[in-house]
Amino acid sequence: MQKSIQDKPYIIYFAGASTKDKCWEEDKFSGLIIEMAMQYTNYHHVILEGIKDDEKFENIYNTTKHMPNVVKQKAMPLNETMDYLNNASIVVCNDTGIRNMAIAVNTPTVGIFNVTGPYRYWPRNGIHEIVFNPNFTSPSINDARNCCEKILKRTI
């Protein structure tokens, strides 16, 4: 049974991308979600599924589902996805279309970049953050969490 998220604000996490090399490691996504869910208990932490077979994120959900404020959202039609992104407090994801959709509806994002430079894909209107290492190594959980906290401090 799916938990309802109507009673709290929510943060969306999407771990997919067009290619695997653009994806942050699933264990880091799990670690980030666990840390954020423990610190921000007044939010639901939503693992958003994608439409591809490899975007169900079962491993991430299995390590976080014991937490009462972590939920998984099945993929939705495009118009419902846009509404869902629009109502989120933050969208945390790789360099992917979900991030671009969140940017389009003016929802703050934390973009995690591994193999592409973020500079062409980082709107500078003050509500978006990026996690990126100039040597193209995988960003840390701490760096991603700091970006999420920076956004939440601006909106609380």
Protein backbone atom coordinates (compact mmCIF):
# COMPACT_ATOMS: atom_id res chain seq x y z
CA MET A 1 0.00 0.00 0.00
CA GLN A 2 1.36 3.42 -0.93
CA LYS A 3 1.75 5.94 1.87
CA SER A 4 -0.04 9.25 1.33
CA ILE A 5 2.03 12.40 1.03
CA GLN A 6 -0.82 14.87 1.21
CA ASP A 7 -0.10 15.91 4.79
CA LYS A 8 3.50 17.17 4.41
CA PRO A 9 5.73 18.97 1.93
CA TYR A 10 7.92 16.63 -0.09
CA ILE A 11 11.35 16.29 -1.64
CA ILE A 12 11.69 14.22 -4.81
CA TYR A 13 14.72 12.07 -5.60
CA PHE A 14 15.17 10.70 -9.13
CA ALA A 15 18.20 8.44 -9.66
CA GLY A 16 17.99 7.90 -13.43
CA ALA A 17 19.52 9.57 -16.47
CA SER A 18 19.80 8.99 -20.20
CA THR A 19 23.00 6.96 -19.74
CA LYS A 20 24.39 5.03 -16.76
CA ASP A 21 27.58 7.09 -16.62
CA LYS A 22 25.48 10.18 -15.85
CA CYS A 23 23.97 8.45 -12.78
CA TRP A 24 25.17 9.04 -9.25
CA GLU A 25 25.70 5.74 -7.45
CA GLU A 26 22.53 4.20 -5.96
CA ASP A 27 24.20 3.67 -2.57
CA LYS A 28 24.89 7.42 -2.44
CA PHE A 29 21.27 8.22 -3.31
CA SER A 30 20.19 5.83 -0.53
CA GLY A 31 22.60 7.43 1.92
CA LEU A 32 21.40 10.92 1.03
CA ILE A 33 17.74 9.96 1.40
CA ILE A 34 18.38 8.31 4.78
CA GLU A 35 20.27 11.36 6.09
CA MET A 36 17.68 13.80 4.78
CA ALA A 37 14.73 11.74 6.07
CA MET A 38 16.29 11.57 9.53
CA GLN A 39 17.03 15.30 9.62
CA TYR A 40 13.88 16.57 7.88
CA THR A 41 11.12 14.50 9.43
CA ASN A 42 8.53 17.13 8.55
CA TYR A 43 8.99 16.26 4.85
CA HIS A 44 8.11 13.21 2.84
CA HIS A 45 11.07 11.94 0.85
CA VAL A 46 9.83 10.59 -2.46
CA ILE A 47 11.74 8.18 -4.69
CA LEU A 48 10.30 8.88 -8.12
CA GLU A 49 10.25 5.99 -10.58
CA GLY A 50 10.95 6.52 -14.24
CA ILE A 51 9.40 4.87 -17.26
CA LYS A 52 12.35 2.64 -18.23
CA ASP A 53 12.76 -0.84 -16.73
CA ASP A 54 15.98 0.18 -14.98
CA GLU A 55 14.29 3.21 -13.36
CA LYS A 56 12.30 1.39 -10.67
CA PHE A 57 15.06 2.01 -8.09
CA GLU A 58 14.17 -1.03 -5.98
CA ASN A 59 17.63 -1.13 -4.36
CA ILE A 60 17.30 2.46 -3.20
CA TYR A 61 13.78 1.93 -1.91
CA ASN A 62 14.64 -1.34 -0.16
CA THR A 63 17.32 0.41 1.92
CA THR A 64 15.02 3.31 2.85
CA LYS A 65 11.48 1.89 3.06
CA HIS A 66 11.77 1.24 6.81
CA MET A 67 11.64 5.00 7.33
CA PRO A 68 8.07 6.25 7.82
CA ASN A 69 8.60 9.42 5.78
CA VAL A 70 10.14 7.74 2.71
CA VAL A 71 7.74 6.78 -0.09
CA LYS A 72 8.02 5.56 -3.65
CA GLN A 73 6.01 7.13 -6.46
CA LYS A 74 5.30 5.18 -9.62
CA ALA A 75 5.84 6.86 -12.98
CA MET A 76 2.94 9.07 -14.03
CA PRO A 77 1.72 10.58 -17.30
CA LEU A 78 3.64 13.70 -18.34
CA ASN A 79 1.03 16.25 -17.21
CA GLU A 80 0.73 14.61 -13.78
CA THR A 81 4.52 14.47 -13.47
CA MET A 82 4.75 18.19 -14.19
CA ASP A 83 2.14 18.96 -11.49
CA TYR A 84 3.93 16.65 -9.04
CA LEU A 85 7.29 18.33 -9.69
CA ASN A 86 5.67 21.76 -9.42
CA ASN A 87 4.45 21.02 -5.90
CA ALA A 88 7.75 19.62 -4.60
CA SER A 89 10.01 21.56 -2.25
CA ILE A 90 13.15 20.29 -4.03
CA VAL A 91 13.93 17.86 -6.84
CA VAL A 92 17.26 16.05 -6.40
CA CYS A 93 18.47 14.25 -9.51
CA ASN A 94 21.17 13.62 -12.04
CA ASP A 95 21.68 15.57 -15.26
CA THR A 96 18.37 14.43 -16.76
CA GLY A 97 15.02 15.44 -18.20
CA ILE A 98 13.29 15.31 -14.79
CA ARG A 99 15.58 18.11 -13.63
CA ASN A 100 14.81 20.12 -16.75
CA MET A 101 11.09 19.62 -16.15
CA ALA A 102 11.46 20.80 -12.53
CA ILE A 103 13.40 23.85 -13.72
CA ALA A 104 10.62 24.58 -16.23
CA VAL A 105 8.00 24.70 -13.44
CA ASN A 106 10.31 26.80 -11.23
CA THR A 107 10.90 24.13 -8.57
CA PRO A 108 14.31 24.30 -6.86
CA THR A 109 16.69 21.55 -7.96
CA VAL A 110 19.89 19.94 -6.82
CA GLY A 111 21.56 18.66 -9.98
CA ILE A 112 24.16 15.95 -9.51
CA PHE A 113 26.72 15.94 -12.31
CA ASN A 114 29.31 13.19 -12.87
CA VAL A 115 30.52 13.19 -16.47
CA THR A 116 29.20 16.42 -17.93
CA GLY A 117 30.12 19.90 -16.86
CA PRO A 118 27.12 21.64 -15.27
CA TYR A 119 27.76 25.17 -16.42
CA ARG A 120 25.47 25.14 -19.46
CA TYR A 121 22.76 23.42 -17.41
CA TRP A 122 22.80 25.52 -14.23
CA PRO A 123 20.16 28.24 -14.24
CA ARG A 124 21.51 31.19 -12.31
CA ASN A 125 18.25 32.49 -10.88
CA GLY A 126 19.23 31.59 -7.33
CA ILE A 127 16.95 28.62 -6.65
CA HIS A 128 19.05 25.82 -8.19
CA GLU A 129 22.21 24.19 -6.87
CA ILE A 130 24.64 21.76 -8.45
CA VAL A 131 26.93 19.09 -7.06
CA PHE A 132 30.01 18.63 -9.23
CA ASN A 133 33.69 17.87 -8.88
CA PRO A 134 35.88 19.57 -11.52
CA ASN A 135 37.90 16.34 -11.91
CA PHE A 136 34.66 14.47 -12.82
CA THR A 137 34.73 12.20 -9.77
CA SER A 138 31.55 11.23 -8.03
CA PRO A 139 30.28 13.91 -5.63
CA SER A 140 29.92 13.04 -1.95
CA ILE A 141 26.70 12.55 -0.03
CA ASN A 142 27.76 15.43 2.19
CA ASP A 143 28.06 17.79 -0.78
CA ALA A 144 24.59 16.84 -2.03
CA ARG A 145 23.07 17.19 1.44
CA ASN A 146 24.67 20.62 1.87
CA CYS A 147 23.04 21.79 -1.38
CA CYS A 148 19.64 20.47 -0.24
CA GLU A 149 20.02 22.24 3.10
CA LYS A 150 21.02 25.46 1.38
CA ILE A 151 17.77 25.40 -0.62
CA LEU A 152 15.64 24.45 2.38
CA LYS A 153 17.12 27.28 4.47
CA ARG A 154 16.05 29.73 1.79
CA THR A 155 12.49 28.42 1.72
CA ILE A 156 11.76 27.77 5.40
